[in-house]
């Protein structure tokens, strides 16, 4: 298997060093924590995908073992786990859905169908948890709390990631001979809500993720994706530095920068993707890890930490740009679906 490298920006050896910086913070169970010590399933999966892409298969598989041990009966994971114990017990829908992306990615990269089959019950329980949180309009609320009560609202970024999770889950089920038409229908309904019903989601527009994630997740592509990216480009992109986390602070972050790289690559905009990827490399530490962010007025790293999830986003962006692994197009490919609405919701977009 080739290791991702982007000529003039990052070498294969540097990518491996970055992957090893992720493995270095894995706990004894295989969990990959945030710098402050908690683990959540979404960022954990992102780190496993990155280690898989960089050739650290054993470390990634230990991480999938962590997921299997911590999944609950309803298919969810606790929002936060510290030292093996749940400290925030609600279950987030986007955390559960991303496990499908991780297992599908592992199969694409390694070709190990036996592992995918062993993980399939975990993925199935996770996505069934997710679709139970879908509203009649199509959006998926962001959590079920510790008492089992669904949230009153949905999040645009989370639902965009869930859209990708559902599409990957459908592909995985088809590969393993267990098709899931209900997930496909849920993806269509969610995709329609993402593309046509901004009122379905809580307003988090100051965050750059709400700007690019509908495109990254695959629900909004083509001319609509181009239009969306153009509308807030100058708000969030800081030339030479990367992408702001929020619109109202002079703070660029490595993970958001690399997710925009993945978004641009998915849209076929390689030139800008390479530029943003090169711009964010000032966050690289000499050991291969990455600072979470840079406050460019104070000229200080903020927060003063290096995060595994940032390193993971760098590796996945490098893979997308280099095409080194068979999983390099996993973000690009989720935009390849026509969204079919079987029950007309009555809006102009659906009638068209």
C-alpha atoms as a PDB file:
ATOM      1  CA  UNK A   1       0.000   0.000   0.000  1.00  0.00           C
ATOM      2  CA  UNK A   2       1.279   3.473  -0.887  1.00  0.00           C
ATOM      3  CA  UNK A   3       1.569   6.092   1.821  1.00  0.00           C
ATOM      4  CA  UNK A   4       0.017   9.492   1.048  1.00  0.00           C
ATOM      5  CA  UNK A   5       2.414  12.256   0.013  1.00  0.00           C
ATOM      6  CA  UNK A   6       1.858  15.627  -1.620  1.00  0.00           C
ATOM      7  CA  UNK A   7       4.957  16.786  -3.523  1.00  0.00           C
ATOM      8  CA  UNK A   8       6.303  20.082  -2.274  1.00  0.00           C
ATOM      9  CA  UNK A   9       4.020  20.016   0.769  1.00  0.00           C
ATOM     10  CA  UNK A  10       4.378  16.784   2.748  1.00  0.00           C
ATOM     11  CA  UNK A  11       6.410  13.613   2.227  1.00  0.00           C
ATOM     12  CA  UNK A  12       5.392  10.020   2.873  1.00  0.00           C
ATOM     13  CA  UNK A  13       7.804   9.857   5.812  1.00  0.00           C
ATOM     14  CA  UNK A  14       6.233  12.976   7.276  1.00  0.00           C
ATOM     15  CA  UNK A  15       2.768  11.466   6.916  1.00  0.00           C
ATOM     16  CA  UNK A  16       3.893   8.346   8.762  1.00  0.00           C
ATOM     17  CA  UNK A  17       5.390  10.529  11.513  1.00  0.00           C
ATOM     18  CA  UNK A  18       2.037  12.299  11.804  1.00  0.00           C
ATOM     19  CA  UNK A  19       0.235   8.955  12.063  1.00  0.00           C
ATOM     20  CA  UNK A  20       2.649   7.856  14.754  1.00  0.00           C
ATOM     21  CA  UNK A  21       1.856  11.025  16.688  1.00  0.00           C
ATOM     22  CA  UNK A  22      -1.746   9.798  16.784  1.00  0.00           C
ATOM     23  CA  UNK A  23      -0.747   6.301  17.879  1.00  0.00           C
ATOM     24  CA  UNK A  24       1.424   7.819  20.613  1.00  0.00           C
ATOM     25  CA  UNK A  25      -1.627   9.145  22.458  1.00  0.00           C
ATOM     26  CA  UNK A  26      -3.717   5.964  22.160  1.00  0.00           C
ATOM     27  CA  UNK A  27      -4.660   4.569  25.544  1.00  0.00           C
ATOM     28  CA  UNK A  28      -4.246   0.951  26.603  1.00  0.00           C
ATOM     29  CA  UNK A  29      -7.718   0.086  25.282  1.00  0.00           C
ATOM     30  CA  UNK A  30      -7.009   1.617  21.878  1.00  0.00           C
ATOM     31  CA  UNK A  31      -8.968   4.819  22.435  1.00  0.00           C
ATOM     32  CA  UNK A  32      -7.676   8.054  20.898  1.00  0.00           C
ATOM     33  CA  UNK A  33      -8.423  10.988  23.227  1.00  0.00           C
ATOM     34  CA  UNK A  34      -8.674  14.703  22.814  1.00  0.00           C
ATOM     35  CA  UNK A  35      -5.772  16.622  24.398  1.00  0.00           C
ATOM     36  CA  UNK A  36      -7.834  17.169  27.574  1.00  0.00           C
ATOM     37  CA  UNK A  37      -8.352  13.424  27.911  1.00  0.00           C
ATOM     38  CA  UNK A  38     -11.883  12.480  26.796  1.00  0.00           C
ATOM     39  CA  UNK A  39     -12.748  10.267  23.842  1.00  0.00           C
ATOM     40  CA  UNK A  40     -15.706  10.683  21.510  1.00  0.00           C
ATOM     41  CA  UNK A  41     -16.562   8.238  18.763  1.00  0.00           C
ATOM     42  CA  UNK A  42     -16.447  10.738  15.849  1.00  0.00           C
ATOM     43  CA  UNK A  43     -12.938  12.079  16.395  1.00  0.00           C
ATOM     44  CA  UNK A  44     -11.782   8.608  17.414  1.00  0.00           C
ATOM     45  CA  UNK A  45     -12.960   7.181  14.069  1.00  0.00           C
ATOM     46  CA  UNK A  46     -11.284  10.018  12.160  1.00  0.00           C
ATOM     47  CA  UNK A  47      -8.005   9.083  13.829  1.00  0.00           C
ATOM     48  CA  UNK A  48      -8.451   5.396  12.968  1.00  0.00           C
ATOM     49  CA  UNK A  49      -9.063   6.265   9.324  1.00  0.00           C
ATOM     50  CA  UNK A  50      -5.881   8.338   9.252  1.00  0.00           C
ATOM     51  CA  UNK A  51      -3.774   5.586  10.808  1.00  0.00           C
ATOM     52  CA  UNK A  52      -5.218   3.080   8.330  1.00  0.00           C
ATOM     53  CA  UNK A  53      -4.347   5.364   5.393  1.00  0.00           C
ATOM     54  CA  UNK A  54      -0.785   5.745   6.684  1.00  0.00           C
ATOM     55  CA  UNK A  55      -0.269   2.004   7.116  1.00  0.00           C
ATOM     56  CA  UNK A  56      -0.702   1.706  10.900  1.00  0.00           C
ATOM     57  CA  UNK A  57      -3.286  -1.041  10.566  1.00  0.00           C
ATOM     58  CA  UNK A  58      -2.712  -2.741  13.926  1.00  0.00           C
ATOM     59  CA  UNK A  59      -3.124   0.520  15.816  1.00  0.00           C
ATOM     60  CA  UNK A  60      -6.315   1.299  13.905  1.00  0.00           C
ATOM     61  CA  UNK A  61      -7.760  -2.149  14.573  1.00  0.00           C
ATOM     62  CA  UNK A  62      -7.124  -1.672  18.297  1.00  0.00           C
ATOM     63  CA  UNK A  63      -9.222   1.450  17.982  1.00  0.00           C
ATOM     64  CA  UNK A  64     -12.091  -0.440  16.366  1.00  0.00           C
ATOM     65  CA  UNK A  65     -11.901  -2.806  19.317  1.00  0.00           C
ATOM     66  CA  UNK A  66     -12.433   0.194  21.600  1.00  0.00           C
ATOM     67  CA  UNK A  67     -15.561   1.090  19.635  1.00  0.00           C
ATOM     68  CA  UNK A  68     -16.958  -2.440  19.907  1.00  0.00           C
ATOM     69  CA  UNK A  69     -16.427  -2.494  23.670  1.00  0.00           C
ATOM     70  CA  UNK A  70     -18.004   0.901  24.309  1.00  0.00           C
ATOM     71  CA  UNK A  71     -21.033   0.697  22.028  1.00  0.00           C
ATOM     72  CA  UNK A  72     -24.280   0.602  23.992  1.00  0.00           C
ATOM     73  CA  UNK A  73     -27.334  -1.577  23.430  1.00  0.00           C
ATOM     74  CA  UNK A  74     -29.156   1.177  21.555  1.00  0.00           C
ATOM     75  CA  UNK A  75     -26.270   1.432  19.060  1.00  0.00           C
ATOM     76  CA  UNK A  76     -24.832   4.699  20.370  1.00  0.00           C
ATOM     77  CA  UNK A  77     -21.663   5.702  22.185  1.00  0.00           C
ATOM     78  CA  UNK A  78     -21.415   8.047  25.166  1.00  0.00           C
ATOM     79  CA  UNK A  79     -20.625  11.631  24.170  1.00  0.00           C
ATOM     80  CA  UNK A  80     -17.492  11.574  26.297  1.00  0.00           C
ATOM     81  CA  UNK A  81     -15.520   8.688  27.766  1.00  0.00           C
ATOM     82  CA  UNK A  82     -12.662   9.234  30.238  1.00  0.00           C
ATOM     83  CA  UNK A  83     -10.543   6.358  31.527  1.00  0.00           C
ATOM     84  CA  UNK A  84     -13.063   3.884  30.178  1.00  0.00           C
ATOM     85  CA  UNK A  85     -16.051   5.498  31.920  1.00  0.00           C
ATOM     86  CA  UNK A  86     -18.829   7.583  30.391  1.00  0.00           C
ATOM     87  CA  UNK A  87     -18.750  11.115  31.810  1.00  0.00           C
ATOM     88  CA  UNK A  88     -21.397  12.507  29.425  1.00  0.00           C
ATOM     89  CA  UNK A  89     -23.990   9.827  28.762  1.00  0.00           C
ATOM     90  CA  UNK A  90     -26.058  11.263  25.924  1.00  0.00           C
ATOM     91  CA  UNK A  91     -25.559   9.730  22.480  1.00  0.00           C
ATOM     92  CA  UNK A  92     -24.854  11.922  19.434  1.00  0.00           C
ATOM     93  CA  UNK A  93     -26.287  10.861  16.099  1.00  0.00           C
ATOM     94  CA  UNK A  94     -23.293  12.036  14.064  1.00  0.00           C
ATOM     95  CA  UNK A  95     -20.881  10.141  16.337  1.00  0.00           C
ATOM     96  CA  UNK A  96     -22.753   6.901  15.663  1.00  0.00           C
ATOM     97  CA  UNK A  97     -23.043   7.478  11.920  1.00  0.00           C
ATOM     98  CA  UNK A  98     -19.331   8.115  11.421  1.00  0.00           C
ATOM     99  CA  UNK A  99     -18.494   4.560  12.443  1.00  0.00           C
ATOM    100  CA  UNK A 100     -19.957   3.438   9.104  1.00  0.00           C
ATOM    101  CA  UNK A 101     -17.561   5.774   7.290  1.00  0.00           C
ATOM    102  CA  UNK A 102     -14.629   4.330   9.226  1.00  0.00           C
ATOM    103  CA  UNK A 103     -15.447   0.671   8.568  1.00  0.00           C
ATOM    104  CA  UNK A 104     -16.177   1.318   4.873  1.00  0.00           C
ATOM    105  CA  UNK A 105     -12.879   3.216   4.634  1.00  0.00           C
ATOM    106  CA  UNK A 106     -11.017   0.310   6.252  1.00  0.00           C
ATOM    107  CA  UNK A 107     -12.483  -2.094   3.700  1.00  0.00           C
ATOM    108  CA  UNK A 108     -11.557   0.170   0.796  1.00  0.00           C
ATOM    109  CA  UNK A 109      -7.970   0.598   1.998  1.00  0.00           C
ATOM    110  CA  UNK A 110      -7.190  -2.907   3.296  1.00  0.00           C
ATOM    111  CA  UNK A 111      -9.573  -5.085   1.296  1.00  0.00           C
ATOM    112  CA  UNK A 112     -10.180  -7.073   4.480  1.00  0.00           C
ATOM    113  CA  UNK A 113     -13.779  -8.192   4.055  1.00  0.00           C
ATOM    114  CA  UNK A 114     -13.591 -10.522   7.054  1.00  0.00           C
ATOM    115  CA  UNK A 115     -12.919  -7.567   9.333  1.00  0.00           C
ATOM    116  CA  UNK A 116     -15.742  -5.577   7.743  1.00  0.00           C
ATOM    117  CA  UNK A 117     -18.112  -8.502   8.296  1.00  0.00           C
ATOM    118  CA  UNK A 118     -17.066  -8.744  11.943  1.00  0.00           C
ATOM    119  CA  UNK A 119     -17.752  -5.011  12.392  1.00  0.00           C
ATOM    120  CA  UNK A 120     -21.060  -5.087  10.505  1.00  0.00           C
ATOM    121  CA  UNK A 121     -23.299  -5.729  13.550  1.00  0.00           C
ATOM    122  CA  UNK A 122     -21.744  -2.686  15.245  1.00  0.00           C
ATOM    123  CA  UNK A 123     -22.353  -0.529  12.169  1.00  0.00           C
ATOM    124  CA  UNK A 124     -25.901  -1.824  11.782  1.00  0.00           C
ATOM    125  CA  UNK A 125     -26.821  -1.016  15.376  1.00  0.00           C
ATOM    126  CA  UNK A 126     -25.240   2.429  15.048  1.00  0.00           C
ATOM    127  CA  UNK A 127     -27.122   3.433  11.895  1.00  0.00           C
ATOM    128  CA  UNK A 128     -30.405   2.061  13.202  1.00  0.00           C
ATOM    129  CA  UNK A 129     -29.906   4.340  16.220  1.00  0.00           C
ATOM    130  CA  UNK A 130     -29.341   7.228  13.812  1.00  0.00           C
ATOM    131  CA  UNK A 131     -32.389   6.728  11.596  1.00  0.00           C
ATOM    132  CA  UNK A 132     -34.643   6.467  14.653  1.00  0.00           C
ATOM    133  CA  UNK A 133     -33.785  10.128  15.277  1.00  0.00           C
ATOM    134  CA  UNK A 134     -34.986  11.316  11.846  1.00  0.00           C
ATOM    135  CA  UNK A 135     -37.940  13.691  11.696  1.00  0.00           C
ATOM    136  CA  UNK A 136     -40.769  13.556   9.169  1.00  0.00           C
ATOM    137  CA  UNK A 137     -39.143  16.429   7.241  1.00  0.00           C
ATOM    138  CA  UNK A 138     -35.861  14.545   6.930  1.00  0.00           C
ATOM    139  CA  UNK A 139     -33.378  16.163   9.294  1.00  0.00           C
ATOM    140  CA  UNK A 140     -31.842  14.034  12.048  1.00  0.00           C
ATOM    141  CA  UNK A 141     -31.786  15.491  15.542  1.00  0.00           C
ATOM    142  CA  UNK A 142     -28.390  15.766  17.094  1.00  0.00           C
ATOM    143  CA  UNK A 143     -28.708  13.535  20.177  1.00  0.00           C
ATOM    144  CA  UNK A 144     -30.692  11.252  22.411  1.00  0.00           C
ATOM    145  CA  UNK A 145     -29.991  12.340  25.974  1.00  0.00           C
ATOM    146  CA  UNK A 146     -29.041  10.189  28.949  1.00  0.00           C
ATOM    147  CA  UNK A 147     -32.730   9.618  29.706  1.00  0.00           C
ATOM    148  CA  UNK A 148     -33.507   8.480  26.155  1.00  0.00           C
ATOM    149  CA  UNK A 149     -35.189  11.712  25.068  1.00  0.00           C
ATOM    150  CA  UNK A 150     -34.429  12.940  21.518  1.00  0.00           C
ATOM    151  CA  UNK A 151     -33.178  16.504  21.097  1.00  0.00           C
ATOM    152  CA  UNK A 152     -35.552  19.191  19.890  1.00  0.00           C
ATOM    153  CA  UNK A 153     -33.391  20.290  16.965  1.00  0.00           C
ATOM    154  CA  UNK A 154     -30.887  19.192  14.329  1.00  0.00           C
ATOM    155  CA  UNK A 155     -27.411  20.519  13.503  1.00  0.00           C
ATOM    156  CA  UNK A 156     -26.341  21.241   9.942  1.00  0.00           C
ATOM    157  CA  UNK A 157     -22.753  20.036  10.316  1.00  0.00           C
ATOM    158  CA  UNK A 158     -23.752  16.892  12.165  1.00  0.00           C
ATOM    159  CA  UNK A 159     -26.506  16.022   9.710  1.00  0.00           C
ATOM    160  CA  UNK A 160     -24.130  16.590   6.782  1.00  0.00           C
ATOM    161  CA  UNK A 161     -21.702  14.087   8.291  1.00  0.00           C
ATOM    162  CA  UNK A 162     -24.584  11.684   8.960  1.00  0.00           C
ATOM    163  CA  UNK A 163     -25.504  11.867   5.272  1.00  0.00           C
ATOM    164  CA  UNK A 164     -22.055  10.512   4.406  1.00  0.00           C
ATOM    165  CA  UNK A 165     -22.376   7.859   7.114  1.00  0.00           C
ATOM    166  CA  UNK A 166     -25.669   6.606   5.709  1.00  0.00           C
ATOM    167  CA  UNK A 167     -24.286   6.436   2.168  1.00  0.00           C
ATOM    168  CA  UNK A 168     -21.214   4.512   3.375  1.00  0.00           C
ATOM    169  CA  UNK A 169     -23.422   2.198   5.419  1.00  0.00           C
ATOM    170  CA  UNK A 170     -25.535   1.404   2.358  1.00  0.00           C
ATOM    171  CA  UNK A 171     -22.415   0.600   0.331  1.00  0.00           C
ATOM    172  CA  UNK A 172     -21.046  -1.586   3.111  1.00  0.00           C
ATOM    173  CA  UNK A 173     -24.320  -3.498   3.422  1.00  0.00           C
ATOM    174  CA  UNK A 174     -24.433  -4.106  -0.324  1.00  0.00           C
ATOM    175  CA  UNK A 175     -20.832  -5.379  -0.309  1.00  0.00           C
ATOM    176  CA  UNK A 176     -21.576  -7.747   2.578  1.00  0.00           C
ATOM    177  CA  UNK A 177     -24.837  -9.040   1.089  1.00  0.00           C
ATOM    178  CA  UNK A 178     -27.131  -7.341   3.597  1.00  0.00           C
ATOM    179  CA  UNK A 179     -28.728  -4.394   1.745  1.00  0.00           C
ATOM    180  CA  UNK A 180     -30.391  -1.664   3.797  1.00  0.00           C
ATOM    181  CA  UNK A 181     -33.040   0.176   1.741  1.00  0.00           C
ATOM    182  CA  UNK A 182     -34.319   2.011   4.821  1.00  0.00           C
ATOM    183  CA  UNK A 183     -30.933   3.697   5.241  1.00  0.00           C
ATOM    184  CA  UNK A 184     -30.945   4.677   1.574  1.00  0.00           C
ATOM    185  CA  UNK A 185     -34.382   6.245   1.951  1.00  0.00           C
ATOM    186  CA  UNK A 186     -33.223   8.037   5.102  1.00  0.00           C
ATOM    187  CA  UNK A 187     -30.198   9.388   3.206  1.00  0.00           C
ATOM    188  CA  UNK A 188     -32.409  10.723   0.414  1.00  0.00           C
ATOM    189  CA  UNK A 189     -34.731  12.450   2.867  1.00  0.00           C
ATOM    190  CA  UNK A 190     -31.805  13.884   4.830  1.00  0.00           C
ATOM    191  CA  UNK A 191     -30.050  15.003   1.664  1.00  0.00           C
ATOM    192  CA  UNK A 192     -33.165  16.841   0.560  1.00  0.00           C
ATOM    193  CA  UNK A 193     -33.406  18.620   3.918  1.00  0.00           C
ATOM    194  CA  UNK A 194     -29.743  19.618   3.721  1.00  0.00           C
ATOM    195  CA  UNK A 195     -30.088  20.943   0.181  1.00  0.00           C
ATOM    196  CA  UNK A 196     -33.488  22.639   0.401  1.00  0.00           C
ATOM    197  CA  UNK A 197     -34.481  23.295   4.012  1.00  0.00           C
ATOM    198  CA  UNK A 198     -31.974  25.447   5.921  1.00  0.00           C
ATOM    199  CA  UNK A 199     -34.771  26.261   8.379  1.00  0.00           C
ATOM    200  CA  UNK A 200     -34.590  22.629   9.571  1.00  0.00           C
ATOM    201  CA  UNK A 201     -31.299  23.269  11.347  1.00  0.00           C
ATOM    202  CA  UNK A 202     -30.184  25.375  14.295  1.00  0.00           C
ATOM    203  CA  UNK A 203     -28.301  28.515  13.272  1.00  0.00           C
ATOM    204  CA  UNK A 204     -24.586  27.900  13.830  1.00  0.00           C
ATOM    205  CA  UNK A 205     -23.495  29.955  10.833  1.00  0.00           C
ATOM    206  CA  UNK A 206     -20.596  31.625  12.649  1.00  0.00           C
ATOM    207  CA  UNK A 207     -18.819  28.261  12.500  1.00  0.00           C
ATOM    208  CA  UNK A 208     -16.973  27.481   9.287  1.00  0.00           C
ATOM    209  CA  UNK A 209     -18.082  23.844   9.469  1.00  0.00           C
ATOM    210  CA  UNK A 210     -21.671  24.891   8.815  1.00  0.00           C
ATOM    211  CA  UNK A 211     -20.409  26.620   5.679  1.00  0.00           C
ATOM    212  CA  UNK A 212     -18.553  23.750   4.009  1.00  0.00           C
ATOM    213  CA  UNK A 213     -19.948  20.569   5.588  1.00  0.00           C
ATOM    214  CA  UNK A 214     -23.078  20.229   3.393  1.00  0.00           C
ATOM    215  CA  UNK A 215     -20.644  20.108   0.459  1.00  0.00           C
ATOM    216  CA  UNK A 216     -18.096  17.864   2.197  1.00  0.00           C
ATOM    217  CA  UNK A 217     -20.745  15.361   3.295  1.00  0.00           C
ATOM    218  CA  UNK A 218     -22.002  15.045  -0.277  1.00  0.00           C
ATOM    219  CA  UNK A 219     -25.551  16.386  -0.119  1.00  0.00           C
ATOM    220  CA  UNK A 220     -24.734  19.666  -1.888  1.00  0.00           C
ATOM    221  CA  UNK A 221     -22.477  19.440  -4.936  1.00  0.00           C
ATOM    222  CA  UNK A 222     -22.276  20.818  -8.464  1.00  0.00           C
ATOM    223  CA  UNK A 223     -23.316  24.452  -9.098  1.00  0.00           C
ATOM    224  CA  UNK A 224     -25.059  24.617  -5.694  1.00  0.00           C
ATOM    225  CA  UNK A 225     -21.831  23.556  -4.013  1.00  0.00           C
ATOM    226  CA  UNK A 226     -19.809  26.121  -5.954  1.00  0.00           C
ATOM    227  CA  UNK A 227     -22.276  28.828  -4.988  1.00  0.00           C
ATOM    228  CA  UNK A 228     -22.193  27.860  -1.323  1.00  0.00           C
ATOM    229  CA  UNK A 229     -18.397  27.907  -1.149  1.00  0.00           C
ATOM    230  CA  UNK A 230     -18.166  31.232  -2.969  1.00  0.00           C
ATOM    231  CA  UNK A 231     -20.634  32.962  -0.637  1.00  0.00           C
ATOM    232  CA  UNK A 232     -18.483  32.688   2.498  1.00  0.00           C
ATOM    233  CA  UNK A 233     -14.990  32.145   1.092  1.00  0.00           C
ATOM    234  CA  UNK A 234     -13.707  35.574   2.120  1.00  0.00           C
ATOM    235  CA  UNK A 235     -15.374  35.253   5.528  1.00  0.00           C
ATOM    236  CA  UNK A 236     -13.565  32.088   6.539  1.00  0.00           C
ATOM    237  CA  UNK A 237     -10.408  31.648   4.438  1.00  0.00           C
ATOM    238  CA  UNK A 238      -7.302  33.546   5.568  1.00  0.00           C
ATOM    239  CA  UNK A 239      -4.741  33.484   2.742  1.00  0.00           C
ATOM    240  CA  UNK A 240      -1.416  32.060   3.835  1.00  0.00           C
ATOM    241  CA  UNK A 241      -2.771  30.667   7.113  1.00  0.00           C
ATOM    242  CA  UNK A 242      -5.814  28.451   6.590  1.00  0.00           C
ATOM    243  CA  UNK A 243      -9.459  28.513   7.655  1.00  0.00           C
ATOM    244  CA  UNK A 244     -11.093  30.251  10.592  1.00  0.00           C
ATOM    245  CA  UNK A 245     -12.969  28.105  13.065  1.00  0.00           C
ATOM    246  CA  UNK A 246     -15.504  30.882  13.644  1.00  0.00           C
ATOM    247  CA  UNK A 247     -16.191  33.974  11.581  1.00  0.00           C
ATOM    248  CA  UNK A 248     -15.767  36.510  14.380  1.00  0.00           C
ATOM    249  CA  UNK A 249     -12.366  35.479  15.765  1.00  0.00           C
ATOM    250  CA  UNK A 250      -8.832  35.814  14.312  1.00  0.00           C
ATOM    251  CA  UNK A 251      -8.203  32.116  14.768  1.00  0.00           C
ATOM    252  CA  UNK A 252      -7.385  29.516  12.116  1.00  0.00           C
ATOM    253  CA  UNK A 253      -7.565  25.810  12.885  1.00  0.00           C
ATOM    254  CA  UNK A 254      -5.847  22.890  11.236  1.00  0.00           C
ATOM    255  CA  UNK A 255      -8.768  20.463  11.220  1.00  0.00           C
ATOM    256  CA  UNK A 256     -11.165  22.918   9.597  1.00  0.00           C
ATOM    257  CA  UNK A 257      -8.478  23.866   7.064  1.00  0.00           C
ATOM    258  CA  UNK A 258      -7.950  20.238   6.052  1.00  0.00           C
ATOM    259  CA  UNK A 259     -11.677  19.559   5.920  1.00  0.00           C
ATOM    260  CA  UNK A 260     -11.976  22.447   3.489  1.00  0.00           C
ATOM    261  CA  UNK A 261      -9.154  20.812   1.497  1.00  0.00           C
ATOM    262  CA  UNK A 262     -11.243  17.625   1.371  1.00  0.00           C
ATOM    263  CA  UNK A 263     -14.275  19.665   0.344  1.00  0.00           C
ATOM    264  CA  UNK A 264     -12.442  21.415  -2.477  1.00  0.00           C
ATOM    265  CA  UNK A 265     -10.956  18.123  -3.668  1.00  0.00           C
ATOM    266  CA  UNK A 266     -14.449  16.607  -3.698  1.00  0.00           C
ATOM    267  CA  UNK A 267     -15.601  19.503  -5.889  1.00  0.00           C
ATOM    268  CA  UNK A 268     -12.699  18.993  -8.291  1.00  0.00           C
ATOM    269  CA  UNK A 269     -11.016  22.262  -7.239  1.00  0.00           C
ATOM    270  CA  UNK A 270      -7.514  20.858  -6.876  1.00  0.00           C
ATOM    271  CA  UNK A 271      -5.713  24.168  -7.231  1.00  0.00           C
ATOM    272  CA  UNK A 272      -7.358  25.785  -4.223  1.00  0.00           C
ATOM    273  CA  UNK A 273      -7.249  22.534  -2.267  1.00  0.00           C
ATOM    274  CA  UNK A 274      -3.463  22.380  -2.658  1.00  0.00           C
ATOM    275  CA  UNK A 275      -3.121  26.039  -1.722  1.00  0.00           C
ATOM    276  CA  UNK A 276      -5.103  25.709   1.505  1.00  0.00           C
ATOM    277  CA  UNK A 277      -3.249  22.499   2.397  1.00  0.00           C
ATOM    278  CA  UNK A 278       0.114  24.197   1.936  1.00  0.00           C
ATOM    279  CA  UNK A 279      -1.035  27.265   3.859  1.00  0.00           C
ATOM    280  CA  UNK A 280      -1.928  25.310   7.011  1.00  0.00           C
ATOM    281  CA  UNK A 281       1.433  23.551   7.293  1.00  0.00           C
ATOM    282  CA  UNK A 282       2.702  26.296   9.631  1.00  0.00           C
ATOM    283  CA  UNK A 283       0.849  24.316  12.317  1.00  0.00           C
ATOM    284  CA  UNK A 284       3.167  21.308  11.944  1.00  0.00           C
ATOM    285  CA  UNK A 285       5.360  20.453  14.928  1.00  0.00           C
ATOM    286  CA  UNK A 286       8.807  18.955  14.448  1.00  0.00           C
ATOM    287  CA  UNK A 287       7.628  15.558  15.773  1.00  0.00           C
ATOM    288  CA  UNK A 288       4.942  15.282  13.082  1.00  0.00           C
ATOM    289  CA  UNK A 289       1.991  16.283  15.260  1.00  0.00           C
ATOM    290  CA  UNK A 290      -0.053  19.422  14.563  1.00  0.00           C
ATOM    291  CA  UNK A 291      -1.083  22.369  16.682  1.00  0.00           C
ATOM    292  CA  UNK A 292      -4.837  22.702  16.892  1.00  0.00           C
ATOM    293  CA  UNK A 293      -4.907  26.369  15.888  1.00  0.00           C
ATOM    294  CA  UNK A 294      -3.218  29.758  15.557  1.00  0.00           C
ATOM    295  CA  UNK A 295      -4.490  33.092  16.873  1.00  0.00           C
ATOM    296  CA  UNK A 296      -3.048  35.365  14.218  1.00  0.00           C
ATOM    297  CA  UNK A 297      -3.502  38.699  15.984  1.00  0.00           C
ATOM    298  CA  UNK A 298      -1.792  37.579  19.182  1.00  0.00           C
ATOM    299  CA  UNK A 299       0.489  35.306  17.132  1.00  0.00           C
ATOM    300  CA  UNK A 300       0.122  32.387  19.512  1.00  0.00           C
ATOM    301  CA  UNK A 301      -1.017  28.801  19.215  1.00  0.00           C
ATOM    302  CA  UNK A 302      -4.531  28.528  20.599  1.00  0.00           C
ATOM    303  CA  UNK A 303      -5.391  26.428  22.403  1.00  0.00           C
ATOM    304  CA  UNK A 304      -1.850  25.548  23.417  1.00  0.00           C
ATOM    305  CA  UNK A 305      -2.175  21.932  22.393  1.00  0.00           C
ATOM    306  CA  UNK A 306      -1.470  19.480  19.600  1.00  0.00           C
ATOM    307  CA  UNK A 307      -4.497  17.321  18.805  1.00  0.00           C
ATOM    308  CA  UNK A 308      -4.745  13.870  17.286  1.00  0.00           C
ATOM    309  CA  UNK A 309      -7.878  14.843  15.351  1.00  0.00           C
ATOM    310  CA  UNK A 310      -5.958  17.655  13.632  1.00  0.00           C
ATOM    311  CA  UNK A 311      -3.200  15.233  12.652  1.00  0.00           C
ATOM    312  CA  UNK A 312      -5.856  12.869  11.331  1.00  0.00           C
ATOM    313  CA  UNK A 313      -7.436  15.531   9.133  1.00  0.00           C
ATOM    314  CA  UNK A 314      -3.998  16.308   7.664  1.00  0.00           C
ATOM    315  CA  UNK A 315      -3.442  12.664   6.689  1.00  0.00           C
ATOM    316  CA  UNK A 316      -6.880  12.275   5.123  1.00  0.00           C
ATOM    317  CA  UNK A 317      -6.387  15.486   3.141  1.00  0.00           C
ATOM    318  CA  UNK A 318      -2.977  14.279   1.962  1.00  0.00           C
ATOM    319  CA  UNK A 319      -4.512  10.999   0.853  1.00  0.00           C
ATOM    320  CA  UNK A 320      -7.309  12.741  -1.052  1.00  0.00           C
ATOM    321  CA  UNK A 321      -4.814  14.970  -2.857  1.00  0.00           C
ATOM    322  CA  UNK A 322      -2.356  12.168  -3.618  1.00  0.00           C
ATOM    323  CA  UNK A 323      -4.763   9.326  -4.364  1.00  0.00           C
ATOM    324  CA  UNK A 324      -2.359   7.014  -2.574  1.00  0.00           C
ATOM    325  CA  UNK A 325      -4.889   4.591  -1.119  1.00  0.00           C
ATOM    326  CA  UNK A 326      -8.117   3.058  -2.349  1.00  0.00           C
ATOM    327  CA  UNK A 327      -9.903   5.105   0.312  1.00  0.00           C
ATOM    328  CA  UNK A 328      -8.678   8.441  -1.025  1.00  0.00           C
ATOM    329  CA  UNK A 329     -11.972   9.267  -2.727  1.00  0.00           C
ATOM    330  CA  UNK A 330     -14.293   8.413   0.170  1.00  0.00           C
ATOM    331  CA  UNK A 331     -15.371  12.046   0.599  1.00  0.00           C
ATOM    332  CA  UNK A 332     -15.540  12.703  -3.128  1.00  0.00           C
ATOM    333  CA  UNK A 333     -17.703   9.666  -3.823  1.00  0.00           C
ATOM    334  CA  UNK A 334     -20.584  10.512  -1.472  1.00  0.00           C
ATOM    335  CA  UNK A 335     -21.577  13.335  -3.807  1.00  0.00           C
ATOM    336  CA  UNK A 336     -22.236  10.928  -6.668  1.00  0.00           C
ATOM    337  CA  UNK A 337     -25.858  10.175  -5.754  1.00  0.00           C
ATOM    338  CA  UNK A 338     -29.058  11.648  -7.115  1.00  0.00           C
ATOM    339  CA  UNK A 339     -31.299  12.417  -4.159  1.00  0.00           C
ATOM    340  CA  UNK A 340     -34.699  10.807  -4.698  1.00  0.00           C
ATOM    341  CA  UNK A 341     -37.671  12.081  -2.707  1.00  0.00           C
ATOM    342  CA  UNK A 342     -40.437   9.486  -2.705  1.00  0.00           C
ATOM    343  CA  UNK A 343     -42.915  11.576  -0.676  1.00  0.00           C
ATOM    344  CA  UNK A 344     -43.153  15.109  -2.042  1.00  0.00           C
ATOM    345  CA  UNK A 345     -42.599  17.431   0.906  1.00  0.00           C
ATOM    346  CA  UNK A 346     -44.423  20.181  -0.962  1.00  0.00           C
ATOM    347  CA  UNK A 347     -41.519  22.570  -1.358  1.00  0.00           C
ATOM    348  CA  UNK A 348     -40.533  24.144  -4.661  1.00  0.00           C
ATOM    349  CA  UNK A 349     -37.270  22.151  -4.763  1.00  0.00           C
ATOM    350  CA  UNK A 350     -39.114  18.832  -4.354  1.00  0.00           C
ATOM    351  CA  UNK A 351     -41.705  19.720  -7.021  1.00  0.00           C
ATOM    352  CA  UNK A 352     -38.906  20.540  -9.436  1.00  0.00           C
END
